[in-house]
Amino acid sequence: MSIFSSGNFGAWRTPGGDSPLVATHVTHTGDHELTIRPGADVGDLVAILATLPADAFFTEHFGDVDAVLVFRQVPGLPAMVPANGKPSADPAAASLPRP
């Protein structure tokens, strides 16, 4: 059985496992651990990343076959939203220019 599909998303892509291809776990310190298993695709990642807080940032990773990415929330106010400000709902506001 191939892990590459021409069809919909699904756990069949990782044979022999009941574990989800991507999962999140909040640690006792408030960090968000995102686990990615072989067979996960872009659709899986987009769906699970959408569950993370908007102000979380990537801090570290570990693992070999199953990769674990650790995200941490910015303490206090989000860095990109000024006090008493309202963030734009325009999709272009989500991108940052590169120097």
C-alpha atoms as a PDB file:
ATOM      1  CA  MET A   1       0.000   0.000   0.000  1.00  0.00           C
ATOM      2  CA  SER A   2       1.397   3.392  -1.001  1.00  0.00           C
ATOM      3  CA  ILE A   3       1.317   6.364   1.377  1.00  0.00           C
ATOM      4  CA  PHE A   4       0.745   8.685  -1.586  1.00  0.00           C
ATOM      5  CA  SER A   5      -2.886   9.266  -2.401  1.00  0.00           C
ATOM      6  CA  SER A   6      -4.878  10.570  -5.297  1.00  0.00           C
ATOM      7  CA  GLY A   7      -7.951  10.738  -3.067  1.00  0.00           C
ATOM      8  CA  ASN A   8      -9.120  12.380   0.139  1.00  0.00           C
ATOM      9  CA  PHE A   9      -7.255  12.780   3.425  1.00  0.00           C
ATOM     10  CA  GLY A  10      -7.323   9.827   5.786  1.00  0.00           C
ATOM     11  CA  ALA A  11      -5.416   7.745   8.307  1.00  0.00           C
ATOM     12  CA  TRP A  12      -4.998   4.886   5.789  1.00  0.00           C
ATOM     13  CA  ARG A  13      -1.804   6.642   4.656  1.00  0.00           C
ATOM     14  CA  THR A  14       0.131   5.290   7.649  1.00  0.00           C
ATOM     15  CA  PRO A  15      -0.379   1.521   7.605  1.00  0.00           C
ATOM     16  CA  GLY A  16      -0.807  -0.319  10.890  1.00  0.00           C
ATOM     17  CA  GLY A  17      -1.485   2.630  13.137  1.00  0.00           C
ATOM     18  CA  ASP A  18      -4.497   3.990  14.941  1.00  0.00           C
ATOM     19  CA  SER A  19      -2.665   7.184  15.935  1.00  0.00           C
ATOM     20  CA  PRO A  20      -3.617  10.363  14.092  1.00  0.00           C
ATOM     21  CA  LEU A  21      -1.171  11.634  11.471  1.00  0.00           C
ATOM     22  CA  VAL A  22      -1.002  15.000  13.243  1.00  0.00           C
ATOM     23  CA  ALA A  23      -1.944  15.852  16.822  1.00  0.00           C
ATOM     24  CA  THR A  24      -1.496  18.617  19.372  1.00  0.00           C
ATOM     25  CA  HIS A  25      -0.928  18.404  23.102  1.00  0.00           C
ATOM     26  CA  VAL A  26      -0.719  21.250  25.622  1.00  0.00           C
ATOM     27  CA  THR A  27       1.995  20.645  28.223  1.00  0.00           C
ATOM     28  CA  HIS A  28       1.798  21.609  31.906  1.00  0.00           C
ATOM     29  CA  THR A  29       3.908  24.701  31.061  1.00  0.00           C
ATOM     30  CA  GLY A  30       1.408  25.850  28.424  1.00  0.00           C
ATOM     31  CA  ASP A  31       3.552  24.899  25.414  1.00  0.00           C
ATOM     32  CA  HIS A  32       1.752  23.425  22.428  1.00  0.00           C
ATOM     33  CA  GLU A  33       3.396  20.276  21.042  1.00  0.00           C
ATOM     34  CA  LEU A  34       2.443  19.404  17.466  1.00  0.00           C
ATOM     35  CA  THR A  35       3.302  15.821  16.446  1.00  0.00           C
ATOM     36  CA  ILE A  36       3.603  14.965  12.752  1.00  0.00           C
ATOM     37  CA  ARG A  37       3.718  11.311  11.666  1.00  0.00           C
ATOM     38  CA  PRO A  38       4.836   9.927   8.301  1.00  0.00           C
ATOM     39  CA  GLY A  39       2.005  10.113   5.790  1.00  0.00           C
ATOM     40  CA  ALA A  40       0.740  13.533   6.925  1.00  0.00           C
ATOM     41  CA  ASP A  41       0.163  15.969   4.094  1.00  0.00           C
ATOM     42  CA  VAL A  42      -0.397  19.704   3.719  1.00  0.00           C
ATOM     43  CA  GLY A  43      -4.138  19.407   4.398  1.00  0.00           C
ATOM     44  CA  ASP A  44      -3.445  17.636   7.687  1.00  0.00           C
ATOM     45  CA  LEU A  45      -0.917  20.284   8.730  1.00  0.00           C
ATOM     46  CA  VAL A  46      -3.153  23.220   7.823  1.00  0.00           C
ATOM     47  CA  ALA A  47      -6.028  21.734   9.813  1.00  0.00           C
ATOM     48  CA  ILE A  48      -3.937  21.162  12.941  1.00  0.00           C
ATOM     49  CA  LEU A  49      -2.056  24.492  12.723  1.00  0.00           C
ATOM     50  CA  ALA A  50      -5.413  26.279  12.708  1.00  0.00           C
ATOM     51  CA  THR A  51      -6.036  24.913  16.222  1.00  0.00           C
ATOM     52  CA  LEU A  52      -2.935  26.646  17.655  1.00  0.00           C
ATOM     53  CA  PRO A  53      -3.284  30.100  19.247  1.00  0.00           C
ATOM     54  CA  ALA A  54      -2.660  32.905  16.750  1.00  0.00           C
ATOM     55  CA  ASP A  55       0.159  34.364  18.878  1.00  0.00           C
ATOM     56  CA  ALA A  56       2.052  31.062  19.281  1.00  0.00           C
ATOM     57  CA  PHE A  57       5.561  30.930  17.853  1.00  0.00           C
ATOM     58  CA  PHE A  58       7.849  28.004  17.014  1.00  0.00           C
ATOM     59  CA  THR A  59      10.527  27.419  19.653  1.00  0.00           C
ATOM     60  CA  GLU A  60      12.052  23.966  19.165  1.00  0.00           C
ATOM     61  CA  HIS A  61      11.655  20.521  17.669  1.00  0.00           C
ATOM     62  CA  PHE A  62      12.600  16.959  18.511  1.00  0.00           C
ATOM     63  CA  GLY A  63      12.018  13.474  17.224  1.00  0.00           C
ATOM     64  CA  ASP A  64      13.221  11.377  14.346  1.00  0.00           C
ATOM     65  CA  VAL A  65      10.442   9.607  12.467  1.00  0.00           C
ATOM     66  CA  ASP A  66       7.604  11.308  14.333  1.00  0.00           C
ATOM     67  CA  ALA A  67       8.540  14.989  14.385  1.00  0.00           C
ATOM     68  CA  VAL A  68       7.399  17.089  17.338  1.00  0.00           C
ATOM     69  CA  LEU A  69       7.293  20.867  16.919  1.00  0.00           C
ATOM     70  CA  VAL A  70       6.934  22.991  20.055  1.00  0.00           C
ATOM     71  CA  PHE A  71       5.072  26.302  19.926  1.00  0.00           C
ATOM     72  CA  ARG A  72       4.901  28.791  22.782  1.00  0.00           C
ATOM     73  CA  GLN A  73       2.557  31.731  23.252  1.00  0.00           C
ATOM     74  CA  VAL A  74       3.966  35.219  23.638  1.00  0.00           C
ATOM     75  CA  PRO A  75       3.474  36.254  27.274  1.00  0.00           C
ATOM     76  CA  GLY A  76       1.303  39.336  27.663  1.00  0.00           C
ATOM     77  CA  LEU A  77       0.001  41.127  24.599  1.00  0.00           C
ATOM     78  CA  PRO A  78       0.582  39.723  21.095  1.00  0.00           C
ATOM     79  CA  ALA A  79       3.647  41.345  19.515  1.00  0.00           C
ATOM     80  CA  MET A  80       1.907  42.342  16.269  1.00  0.00           C
ATOM     81  CA  VAL A  81      -1.163  44.060  17.779  1.00  0.00           C
ATOM     82  CA  PRO A  82      -0.604  47.473  19.390  1.00  0.00           C
ATOM     83  CA  ALA A  83      -2.415  48.266  22.659  1.00  0.00           C
ATOM     84  CA  ASN A  84      -5.975  49.483  21.969  1.00  0.00           C
ATOM     85  CA  GLY A  85      -5.499  48.524  18.320  1.00  0.00           C
ATOM     86  CA  LYS A  86      -7.622  46.293  16.151  1.00  0.00           C
ATOM     87  CA  PRO A  87      -5.864  43.849  13.845  1.00  0.00           C
ATOM     88  CA  SER A  88      -6.888  43.993  10.201  1.00  0.00           C
ATOM     89  CA  ALA A  89      -9.092  41.193   8.883  1.00  0.00           C
ATOM     90  CA  ASP A  90      -7.585  41.681   5.408  1.00  0.00           C
ATOM     91  CA  PRO A  91      -5.707  38.510   4.290  1.00  0.00           C
ATOM     92  CA  ALA A  92      -2.788  40.682   3.157  1.00  0.00           C
ATOM     93  CA  ALA A  93      -2.262  41.708   6.795  1.00  0.00           C
ATOM     94  CA  ALA A  94      -1.138  38.175   7.591  1.00  0.00           C
ATOM     95  CA  SER A  95       1.989  38.496   5.443  1.00  0.00           C
ATOM     96  CA  LEU A  96       5.136  40.347   6.418  1.00  0.00           C
ATOM     97  CA  PRO A  97       7.523  41.890   3.894  1.00  0.00           C
ATOM     98  CA  ARG A  98      10.984  40.386   3.830  1.00  0.00           C
ATOM     99  CA  PRO A  99      13.959  42.757   4.050  1.00  0.00           C
END
